[in-house]
Full PDB file with SEQRES, HELIX, SHEET, SSBOND, CRYST1, ORIGX, SCALE, CONECT and MASTER records, all heavy atoms in Angstrom:
SEQRES   1 A   32  ALA VAL THR SER ARG TRP GLY VAL ARG HIS CYS GLY ARG          
SEQRES   2 A   32  PHE ALA ALA TRP TYR ARG SER HIS TYR ASP GLU LEU PRO          
SEQRES   3 A   32  SER ALA THR LEU HIS ARG                                      
HELIX    1 AA1 VAL A    2  ARG A    5  1                                   4    
HELIX    2 AA2 CYS A   11  TYR A   22  1                                  12    
HELIX    3 AA3 PRO A   26  LEU A   30  1                                   5    
CRYST1    1.000    1.000    1.000  90.00  90.00  90.00 P 1           1          
ORIGX1      1.000000  0.000000  0.000000        0.00000                         
ORIGX2      0.000000  1.000000  0.000000        0.00000                         
ORIGX3      0.000000  0.000000  1.000000        0.00000                         
SCALE1      1.000000  0.000000  0.000000        0.00000                         
SCALE2      0.000000  1.000000  0.000000        0.00000                         
SCALE3      0.000000  0.000000  1.000000        0.00000                         
ATOM      1  N   ALA A   1      -5.196 -15.083  18.316  1.00  0.00           N  
ATOM      2  CA  ALA A   1      -6.246 -14.578  17.299  1.00  0.00           C  
ATOM      3  C   ALA A   1      -5.538 -13.849  16.169  1.00  0.00           C  
ATOM      4  O   ALA A   1      -5.883 -14.083  14.984  1.00  0.00           O  
ATOM      5  CB  ALA A   1      -7.280 -13.747  18.003  1.00  0.00           C  
ATOM      6  N   VAL A   2      -4.601 -12.944  16.532  1.00  0.00           N  
ATOM      7  CA  VAL A   2      -3.933 -12.124  15.511  1.00  0.00           C  
ATOM      8  C   VAL A   2      -3.067 -13.071  14.556  1.00  0.00           C  
ATOM      9  O   VAL A   2      -3.118 -13.012  13.345  1.00  0.00           O  
ATOM     10  CB  VAL A   2      -3.031 -11.103  16.044  1.00  0.00           C  
ATOM     11  CG1 VAL A   2      -2.138 -10.390  15.065  1.00  0.00           C  
ATOM     12  CG2 VAL A   2      -3.898 -10.045  16.782  1.00  0.00           C  
ATOM     13  N   THR A   3      -2.250 -13.966  15.174  1.00  0.00           N  
ATOM     14  CA  THR A   3      -1.385 -14.849  14.329  1.00  0.00           C  
ATOM     15  C   THR A   3      -2.271 -15.780  13.439  1.00  0.00           C  
ATOM     16  O   THR A   3      -1.943 -16.065  12.377  1.00  0.00           O  
ATOM     17  CB  THR A   3      -0.451 -15.587  15.198  1.00  0.00           C  
ATOM     18  OG1 THR A   3      -1.098 -16.373  16.164  1.00  0.00           O  
ATOM     19  CG2 THR A   3       0.565 -14.680  15.873  1.00  0.00           C  
ATOM     20  N   SER A   4      -3.358 -16.268  14.068  1.00  0.00           N  
ATOM     21  CA  SER A   4      -4.234 -17.128  13.257  1.00  0.00           C  
ATOM     22  C   SER A   4      -4.817 -16.420  12.063  1.00  0.00           C  
ATOM     23  O   SER A   4      -4.887 -16.965  11.014  1.00  0.00           O  
ATOM     24  CB  SER A   4      -5.375 -17.666  14.207  1.00  0.00           C  
ATOM     25  OG  SER A   4      -6.217 -18.377  13.434  1.00  0.00           O  
ATOM     26  N   ARG A   5      -5.182 -15.172  12.247  1.00  0.00           N  
ATOM     27  CA  ARG A   5      -5.747 -14.395  11.131  1.00  0.00           C  
ATOM     28  C   ARG A   5      -4.719 -14.288   9.932  1.00  0.00           C  
ATOM     29  O   ARG A   5      -5.145 -14.194   8.796  1.00  0.00           O  
ATOM     30  CB  ARG A   5      -6.050 -12.973  11.597  1.00  0.00           C  
ATOM     31  CG  ARG A   5      -6.671 -12.118  10.511  1.00  0.00           C  
ATOM     32  CD  ARG A   5      -7.171 -10.729  11.103  1.00  0.00           C  
ATOM     33  NE  ARG A   5      -7.471 -10.803  12.541  1.00  0.00           N  
ATOM     34  CZ  ARG A   5      -6.981  -9.787  13.454  1.00  0.00           C  
ATOM     35  NH1 ARG A   5      -6.224  -8.898  13.079  1.00  0.00           N  
ATOM     36  NH2 ARG A   5      -7.418  -9.940  14.712  1.00  0.00           N  
ATOM     37  N   TRP A   6      -3.439 -14.259  10.316  1.00  0.00           N  
ATOM     38  CA  TRP A   6      -2.349 -14.153   9.180  1.00  0.00           C  
ATOM     39  C   TRP A   6      -1.834 -15.474   8.831  1.00  0.00           C  
ATOM     40  O   TRP A   6      -0.723 -15.517   8.299  1.00  0.00           O  
ATOM     41  CB  TRP A   6      -1.354 -13.185   9.812  1.00  0.00           C  
ATOM     42  CG  TRP A   6      -1.845 -11.787   9.716  1.00  0.00           C  
ATOM     43  CD1 TRP A   6      -2.270 -11.093  10.805  1.00  0.00           C  
ATOM     44  CD2 TRP A   6      -2.155 -11.022   8.710  1.00  0.00           C  
ATOM     45  NE1 TRP A   6      -2.779  -9.867  10.472  1.00  0.00           N  
ATOM     46  CE2 TRP A   6      -2.706  -9.781   9.121  1.00  0.00           C  
ATOM     47  CE3 TRP A   6      -2.053 -11.137   7.203  1.00  0.00           C  
ATOM     48  CZ2 TRP A   6      -3.152  -8.740   8.229  1.00  0.00           C  
ATOM     49  CZ3 TRP A   6      -2.385 -10.159   6.392  1.00  0.00           C  
ATOM     50  CH2 TRP A   6      -2.879  -8.927   6.923  1.00  0.00           C  
ATOM     51  N   GLY A   7      -2.438 -16.607   9.257  1.00  0.00           N  
ATOM     52  CA  GLY A   7      -2.021 -17.894   8.756  1.00  0.00           C  
ATOM     53  C   GLY A   7      -0.874 -18.554   9.490  1.00  0.00           C  
ATOM     54  O   GLY A   7      -0.200 -19.456   8.930  1.00  0.00           O  
ATOM     55  N   VAL A   8      -0.474 -18.158  10.697  1.00  0.00           N  
ATOM     56  CA  VAL A   8       0.595 -18.694  11.325  1.00  0.00           C  
ATOM     57  C   VAL A   8       0.153 -20.091  11.912  1.00  0.00           C  
ATOM     58  O   VAL A   8      -0.949 -20.089  12.629  1.00  0.00           O  
ATOM     59  CB  VAL A   8       1.091 -17.792  12.585  1.00  0.00           C  
ATOM     60  CG1 VAL A   8       2.100 -18.432  13.435  1.00  0.00           C  
ATOM     61  CG2 VAL A   8       1.682 -16.483  11.911  1.00  0.00           C  
ATOM     62  N   ARG A   9       0.857 -21.088  11.743  1.00  0.00           N  
ATOM     63  CA  ARG A   9       0.548 -22.379  12.183  1.00  0.00           C  
ATOM     64  C   ARG A   9       1.391 -23.006  13.304  1.00  0.00           C  
ATOM     65  O   ARG A   9       1.054 -23.795  14.022  1.00  0.00           O  
ATOM     66  CB  ARG A   9       0.577 -23.403  10.948  1.00  0.00           C  
ATOM     67  CG  ARG A   9      -0.488 -23.160  10.033  1.00  0.00           C  
ATOM     68  CD  ARG A   9      -0.185 -23.956   8.699  1.00  0.00           C  
ATOM     69  NE  ARG A   9      -1.150 -23.607   7.594  1.00  0.00           N  
ATOM     70  CZ  ARG A   9      -1.096 -22.457   6.977  1.00  0.00           C  
ATOM     71  NH1 ARG A   9      -0.217 -21.462   7.356  1.00  0.00           N  
ATOM     72  NH2 ARG A   9      -1.869 -22.141   5.926  1.00  0.00           N  
ATOM     73  N   HIS A  10       2.615 -22.387  13.437  1.00  0.00           N  
ATOM     74  CA  HIS A  10       3.528 -22.916  14.411  1.00  0.00           C  
ATOM     75  C   HIS A  10       3.805 -21.677  15.309  1.00  0.00           C  
ATOM     76  O   HIS A  10       4.792 -20.936  15.095  1.00  0.00           O  
ATOM     77  CB  HIS A  10       4.881 -23.465  13.766  1.00  0.00           C  
ATOM     78  CG  HIS A  10       4.568 -24.478  12.791  1.00  0.00           C  
ATOM     79  ND1 HIS A  10       4.292 -25.736  13.112  1.00  0.00           N  
ATOM     80  CD2 HIS A  10       4.627 -24.519  11.480  1.00  0.00           C  
ATOM     81  CE1 HIS A  10       4.136 -26.423  12.006  1.00  0.00           C  
ATOM     82  NE2 HIS A  10       4.285 -25.717  11.019  1.00  0.00           N  
ATOM     83  N   CYS A  11       3.071 -21.528  16.435  1.00  0.00           N  
ATOM     84  CA  CYS A  11       3.193 -20.499  17.326  1.00  0.00           C  
ATOM     85  C   CYS A  11       4.528 -20.334  17.992  1.00  0.00           C  
ATOM     86  O   CYS A  11       5.043 -19.167  18.133  1.00  0.00           O  
ATOM     87  CB  CYS A  11       2.022 -20.484  18.347  1.00  0.00           C  
ATOM     88  SG  CYS A  11       0.520 -20.221  17.602  1.00  0.00           S  
ATOM     89  N   GLY A  12       5.126 -21.447  18.427  1.00  0.00           N  
ATOM     90  CA  GLY A  12       6.451 -21.356  19.056  1.00  0.00           C  
ATOM     91  C   GLY A  12       7.546 -20.920  18.064  1.00  0.00           C  
ATOM     92  O   GLY A  12       8.316 -19.972  18.504  1.00  0.00           O  
ATOM     93  N   ARG A  13       7.633 -21.435  16.947  1.00  0.00           N  
ATOM     94  CA  ARG A  13       8.537 -20.956  15.928  1.00  0.00           C  
ATOM     95  C   ARG A  13       8.310 -19.535  15.549  1.00  0.00           C  
ATOM     96  O   ARG A  13       9.245 -18.763  15.426  1.00  0.00           O  
ATOM     97  CB  ARG A  13       8.356 -21.859  14.682  1.00  0.00           C  
ATOM     98  CG  ARG A  13       9.578 -21.689  13.702  1.00  0.00           C  
ATOM     99  CD  ARG A  13       9.430 -22.505  12.485  1.00  0.00           C  
ATOM    100  NE  ARG A  13       9.051 -23.905  12.857  1.00  0.00           N  
ATOM    101  CZ  ARG A  13       8.424 -24.671  11.972  1.00  0.00           C  
ATOM    102  NH1 ARG A  13       8.123 -24.367  10.749  1.00  0.00           N  
ATOM    103  NH2 ARG A  13       8.151 -25.959  12.308  1.00  0.00           N  
ATOM    104  N   PHE A  14       7.040 -19.099  15.450  1.00  0.00           N  
ATOM    105  CA  PHE A  14       6.697 -17.745  15.158  1.00  0.00           C  
ATOM    106  C   PHE A  14       7.136 -16.814  16.261  1.00  0.00           C  
ATOM    107  O   PHE A  14       7.767 -15.741  15.968  1.00  0.00           O  
ATOM    108  CB  PHE A  14       5.133 -17.557  14.965  1.00  0.00           C  
ATOM    109  CG  PHE A  14       4.821 -16.041  14.937  1.00  0.00           C  
ATOM    110  CD1 PHE A  14       5.037 -15.304  13.923  1.00  0.00           C  
ATOM    111  CD2 PHE A  14       4.213 -15.543  16.097  1.00  0.00           C  
ATOM    112  CE1 PHE A  14       4.737 -13.891  13.960  1.00  0.00           C  
ATOM    113  CE2 PHE A  14       3.985 -14.190  16.193  1.00  0.00           C  
ATOM    114  CZ  PHE A  14       4.280 -13.448  15.092  1.00  0.00           C  
ATOM    115  N   ALA A  15       6.949 -17.167  17.499  1.00  0.00           N  
ATOM    116  CA  ALA A  15       7.310 -16.307  18.642  1.00  0.00           C  
ATOM    117  C   ALA A  15       8.888 -16.124  18.665  1.00  0.00           C  
ATOM    118  O   ALA A  15       9.283 -15.005  18.866  1.00  0.00           O  
ATOM    119  CB  ALA A  15       6.867 -16.966  19.954  1.00  0.00           C  
ATOM    120  N   ALA A  16       9.609 -17.074  18.336  1.00  0.00           N  
ATOM    121  CA  ALA A  16      11.073 -17.005  18.346  1.00  0.00           C  
ATOM    122  C   ALA A  16      11.477 -16.131  17.164  1.00  0.00           C  
ATOM    123  O   ALA A  16      12.318 -15.217  17.380  1.00  0.00           O  
ATOM    124  CB  ALA A  16      11.697 -18.363  18.160  1.00  0.00           C  
ATOM    125  N   TRP A  17      10.835 -16.218  16.100  1.00  0.00           N  
ATOM    126  CA  TRP A  17      11.166 -15.408  14.867  1.00  0.00           C  
ATOM    127  C   TRP A  17      10.786 -13.988  15.212  1.00  0.00           C  
ATOM    128  O   TRP A  17      11.498 -13.060  14.885  1.00  0.00           O  
ATOM    129  CB  TRP A  17      10.430 -16.005  13.666  1.00  0.00           C  
ATOM    130  CG  TRP A  17      10.740 -15.302  12.423  1.00  0.00           C  
ATOM    131  CD1 TRP A  17      11.965 -15.026  11.842  1.00  0.00           C  
ATOM    132  CD2 TRP A  17       9.797 -14.901  11.412  1.00  0.00           C  
ATOM    133  NE1 TRP A  17      11.838 -14.513  10.603  1.00  0.00           N  
ATOM    134  CE2 TRP A  17      10.505 -14.348  10.429  1.00  0.00           C  
ATOM    135  CE3 TRP A  17       8.458 -14.932  11.363  1.00  0.00           C  
ATOM    136  CZ2 TRP A  17       9.854 -13.834   9.265  1.00  0.00           C  
ATOM    137  CZ3 TRP A  17       7.818 -14.451  10.236  1.00  0.00           C  
ATOM    138  CH2 TRP A  17       8.517 -13.847   9.180  1.00  0.00           C  
ATOM    139  N   TYR A  18       9.556 -13.767  15.695  1.00  0.00           N  
ATOM    140  CA  TYR A  18       9.095 -12.394  16.040  1.00  0.00           C  
ATOM    141  C   TYR A  18      10.071 -11.710  17.033  1.00  0.00           C  
ATOM    142  O   TYR A  18      10.482 -10.615  16.780  1.00  0.00           O  
ATOM    143  CB  TYR A  18       7.713 -12.591  16.650  1.00  0.00           C  
ATOM    144  CG  TYR A  18       7.034 -11.190  16.978  1.00  0.00           C  
ATOM    145  CD1 TYR A  18       6.193 -10.651  15.969  1.00  0.00           C  
ATOM    146  CD2 TYR A  18       7.297 -10.479  18.060  1.00  0.00           C  
ATOM    147  CE1 TYR A  18       5.563  -9.441  16.250  1.00  0.00           C  
ATOM    148  CE2 TYR A  18       6.705  -9.208  18.359  1.00  0.00           C  
ATOM    149  CZ  TYR A  18       5.896  -8.720  17.413  1.00  0.00           C  
ATOM    150  OH  TYR A  18       5.272  -7.516  17.655  1.00  0.00           O  
ATOM    151  N   ARG A  19      10.526 -12.517  18.054  1.00  0.00           N  
ATOM    152  CA  ARG A  19      11.441 -11.838  19.010  1.00  0.00           C  
ATOM    153  C   ARG A  19      12.758 -11.495  18.524  1.00  0.00           C  
ATOM    154  O   ARG A  19      13.330 -10.501  18.719  1.00  0.00           O  
ATOM    155  CB  ARG A  19      11.597 -12.865  20.249  1.00  0.00           C  
ATOM    156  CG  ARG A  19      12.355 -12.294  21.301  1.00  0.00           C  
ATOM    157  CD  ARG A  19      12.550 -13.272  22.532  1.00  0.00           C  
ATOM    158  NE  ARG A  19      13.143 -12.538  23.552  1.00  0.00           N  
ATOM    159  CZ  ARG A  19      13.104 -12.921  24.897  1.00  0.00           C  
ATOM    160  NH1 ARG A  19      12.459 -14.041  25.110  1.00  0.00           N  
ATOM    161  NH2 ARG A  19      13.619 -12.314  25.816  1.00  0.00           N  
ATOM    162  N   SER A  20      13.188 -12.414  17.567  1.00  0.00           N  
ATOM    163  CA  SER A  20      14.489 -12.117  16.977  1.00  0.00           C  
ATOM    164  C   SER A  20      14.427 -10.882  16.051  1.00  0.00           C  
ATOM    165  O   SER A  20      15.351 -10.004  15.886  1.00  0.00           O  
ATOM    166  CB  SER A  20      15.120 -13.250  16.197  1.00  0.00           C  
ATOM    167  OG  SER A  20      14.401 -13.426  14.998  1.00  0.00           O  
ATOM    168  N   HIS A  21      13.186 -10.611  15.530  1.00  0.00           N  
ATOM    169  CA  HIS A  21      13.109  -9.449  14.622  1.00  0.00           C  
ATOM    170  C   HIS A  21      12.728  -8.148  15.287  1.00  0.00           C  
ATOM    171  O   HIS A  21      13.199  -7.067  14.998  1.00  0.00           O  
ATOM    172  CB  HIS A  21      11.984  -9.736  13.580  1.00  0.00           C  
ATOM    173  CG  HIS A  21      11.934  -8.834  12.454  1.00  0.00           C  
ATOM    174  ND1 HIS A  21      12.787  -8.900  11.373  1.00  0.00           N  
ATOM    175  CD2 HIS A  21      11.124  -7.757  12.104  1.00  0.00           C  
ATOM    176  CE1 HIS A  21      12.532  -7.952  10.463  1.00  0.00           C  
ATOM    177  NE2 HIS A  21      11.516  -7.279  10.912  1.00  0.00           N  
ATOM    178  N   TYR A  22      11.848  -8.234  16.346  1.00  0.00           N  
ATOM    179  CA  TYR A  22      11.447  -7.024  17.176  1.00  0.00           C  
ATOM    180  C   TYR A  22      11.986  -6.974  18.512  1.00  0.00           C  
ATOM    181  O   TYR A  22      11.626  -5.965  19.233  1.00  0.00           O  
ATOM    182  CB  TYR A  22       9.843  -7.028  17.150  1.00  0.00           C  
ATOM    183  CG  TYR A  22       9.316  -6.743  15.844  1.00  0.00           C  
ATOM    184  CD1 TYR A  22       8.632  -7.843  15.091  1.00  0.00           C  
ATOM    185  CD2 TYR A  22       9.224  -5.522  15.329  1.00  0.00           C  
ATOM    186  CE1 TYR A  22       8.003  -7.521  13.875  1.00  0.00           C  
ATOM    187  CE2 TYR A  22       8.663  -5.241  14.133  1.00  0.00           C  
ATOM    188  CZ  TYR A  22       8.078  -6.237  13.395  1.00  0.00           C  
ATOM    189  OH  TYR A  22       7.484  -5.986  12.091  1.00  0.00           O  
ATOM    190  N   ASP A  23      12.843  -7.934  18.896  1.00  0.00           N  
ATOM    191  CA  ASP A  23      13.438  -7.837  20.183  1.00  0.00           C  
ATOM    192  C   ASP A  23      12.385  -7.913  21.393  1.00  0.00           C  
ATOM    193  O   ASP A  23      12.720  -7.251  22.486  1.00  0.00           O  
ATOM    194  CB  ASP A  23      14.438  -6.747  20.340  1.00  0.00           C  
ATOM    195  CG  ASP A  23      15.488  -6.876  21.412  1.00  0.00           C  
ATOM    196  OD1 ASP A  23      15.805  -8.168  21.676  1.00  0.00           O  
ATOM    197  OD2 ASP A  23      15.928  -5.919  21.971  1.00  0.00           O  
ATOM    198  N   GLU A  24      11.305  -8.507  21.184  1.00  0.00           N  
ATOM    199  CA  GLU A  24      10.380  -8.664  22.185  1.00  0.00           C  
ATOM    200  C   GLU A  24       9.377  -9.788  21.806  1.00  0.00           C  
ATOM    201  O   GLU A  24       9.249 -10.032  20.656  1.00  0.00           O  
ATOM    202  CB  GLU A  24       9.578  -7.410  22.612  1.00  0.00           C  
ATOM    203  CG  GLU A  24       8.654  -6.859  21.586  1.00  0.00           C  
ATOM    204  CD  GLU A  24       7.994  -5.649  22.029  1.00  0.00           C  
ATOM    205  OE1 GLU A  24       8.210  -5.008  23.034  1.00  0.00           O  
ATOM    206  OE2 GLU A  24       7.129  -5.128  21.166  1.00  0.00           O  
ATOM    207  N   LEU A  25       8.737 -10.344  22.694  1.00  0.00           N  
ATOM    208  CA  LEU A  25       7.661 -11.376  22.474  1.00  0.00           C  
ATOM    209  C   LEU A  25       6.376 -10.675  21.890  1.00  0.00           C  
ATOM    210  O   LEU A  25       6.156  -9.507  22.252  1.00  0.00           O  
ATOM    211  CB  LEU A  25       7.348 -12.097  23.756  1.00  0.00           C  
ATOM    212  CG  LEU A  25       8.495 -13.058  24.317  1.00  0.00           C  
ATOM    213  CD1 LEU A  25       8.089 -13.614  25.614  1.00  0.00           C  
ATOM    214  CD2 LEU A  25       8.766 -14.140  23.295  1.00  0.00           C  
ATOM    215  N   PRO A  26       5.660 -11.358  21.075  1.00  0.00           N  
ATOM    216  CA  PRO A  26       4.393 -10.782  20.513  1.00  0.00           C  
ATOM    217  C   PRO A  26       3.472 -10.349  21.688  1.00  0.00           C  
ATOM    218  O   PRO A  26       2.918  -9.318  21.623  1.00  0.00           O  
ATOM    219  CB  PRO A  26       3.811 -11.982  19.849  1.00  0.00           C  
ATOM    220  CG  PRO A  26       4.874 -12.842  19.520  1.00  0.00           C  
ATOM    221  CD  PRO A  26       5.940 -12.734  20.581  1.00  0.00           C  
ATOM    222  N   SER A  27       3.419 -11.141  22.885  1.00  0.00           N  
ATOM    223  CA  SER A  27       2.556 -10.707  23.936  1.00  0.00           C  
ATOM    224  C   SER A  27       3.025  -9.410  24.517  1.00  0.00           C  
ATOM    225  O   SER A  27       2.158  -8.556  24.958  1.00  0.00           O  
ATOM    226  CB  SER A  27       2.530 -11.820  24.967  1.00  0.00           C  
ATOM    227  OG  SER A  27       3.883 -12.068  25.507  1.00  0.00           O  
ATOM    228  N   ALA A  28       4.299  -9.067  24.595  1.00  0.00           N  
ATOM    229  CA  ALA A  28       4.769  -7.747  25.009  1.00  0.00           C  
ATOM    230  C   ALA A  28       4.291  -6.665  24.108  1.00  0.00           C  
ATOM    231  O   ALA A  28       3.922  -5.540  24.596  1.00  0.00           O  
ATOM    232  CB  ALA A  28       6.280  -7.733  25.133  1.00  0.00           C  
ATOM    233  N   THR A  29       4.332  -6.884  22.803  1.00  0.00           N  
ATOM    234  CA  THR A  29       3.881  -5.867  21.836  1.00  0.00           C  
ATOM    235  C   THR A  29       2.336  -5.675  22.090  1.00  0.00           C  
ATOM    236  O   THR A  29       1.953  -4.462  22.138  1.00  0.00           O  
ATOM    237  CB  THR A  29       4.087  -6.345  20.347  1.00  0.00           C  
ATOM    238  OG1 THR A  29       5.437  -6.618  20.295  1.00  0.00           O  
ATOM    239  CG2 THR A  29       3.599  -5.322  19.393  1.00  0.00           C  
ATOM    240  N   LEU A  30       1.549  -6.672  22.169  1.00  0.00           N  
ATOM    241  CA  LEU A  30       0.156  -6.538  22.416  1.00  0.00           C  
ATOM    242  C   LEU A  30      -0.217  -5.745  23.636  1.00  0.00           C  
ATOM    243  O   LEU A  30      -1.105  -4.964  23.716  1.00  0.00           O  
ATOM    244  CB  LEU A  30      -0.576  -7.851  22.494  1.00  0.00           C  
ATOM    245  CG  LEU A  30      -2.055  -7.909  22.794  1.00  0.00           C  
ATOM    246  CD1 LEU A  30      -2.770  -7.167  21.647  1.00  0.00           C  
ATOM    247  CD2 LEU A  30      -2.504  -9.362  22.929  1.00  0.00           C  
ATOM    248  N   HIS A  31       0.589  -5.977  24.766  1.00  0.00           N  
ATOM    249  CA  HIS A  31       0.354  -5.233  26.033  1.00  0.00           C  
ATOM    250  C   HIS A  31       1.081  -3.967  26.240  1.00  0.00           C  
ATOM    251  O   HIS A  31       1.115  -3.390  27.233  1.00  0.00           O  
ATOM    252  CB  HIS A  31       0.600  -6.312  27.183  1.00  0.00           C  
ATOM    253  CG  HIS A  31      -0.350  -7.335  27.210  1.00  0.00           C  
ATOM    254  ND1 HIS A  31      -0.139  -8.569  26.667  1.00  0.00           N  
ATOM    255  CD2 HIS A  31      -1.553  -7.508  27.841  1.00  0.00           C  
ATOM    256  CE1 HIS A  31      -1.091  -9.420  26.699  1.00  0.00           C  
ATOM    257  NE2 HIS A  31      -2.106  -8.796  27.521  1.00  0.00           N  
ATOM    258  N   ARG A  32       1.625  -3.472  25.122  1.00  0.00           N  
ATOM    259  CA  ARG A  32       2.503  -2.235  25.195  1.00  0.00           C  
ATOM    260  C   ARG A  32       1.607  -0.925  25.362  1.00  0.00           C  
ATOM    261  O   ARG A  32       2.211   0.104  25.848  1.00  0.00           O  
ATOM    262  CB  ARG A  32       3.353  -2.118  24.044  1.00  0.00           C  
ATOM    263  CG  ARG A  32       4.445  -1.089  24.195  1.00  0.00           C  
ATOM    264  CD  ARG A  32       5.177  -0.793  22.903  1.00  0.00           C  
ATOM    265  NE  ARG A  32       5.809  -1.950  22.410  1.00  0.00           N  
ATOM    266  CZ  ARG A  32       6.405  -1.877  21.142  1.00  0.00           C  
ATOM    267  NH1 ARG A  32       6.385  -0.772  20.424  1.00  0.00           N  
ATOM    268  NH2 ARG A  32       6.995  -2.990  20.684  1.00  0.00           N  
TER     269      ARG A  32                                                      
MASTER        0    0    0    3    0    0    0    6  268    1    0    3          
END                                                                             
């Protein structure tokens, strides 16, 4: 829902990019 709101179309690519930038998966951030 969050990534869709911001126009992300490729979730797999986004998750890899997010992880390389924040050193965790987006789901880990959400559940922190």
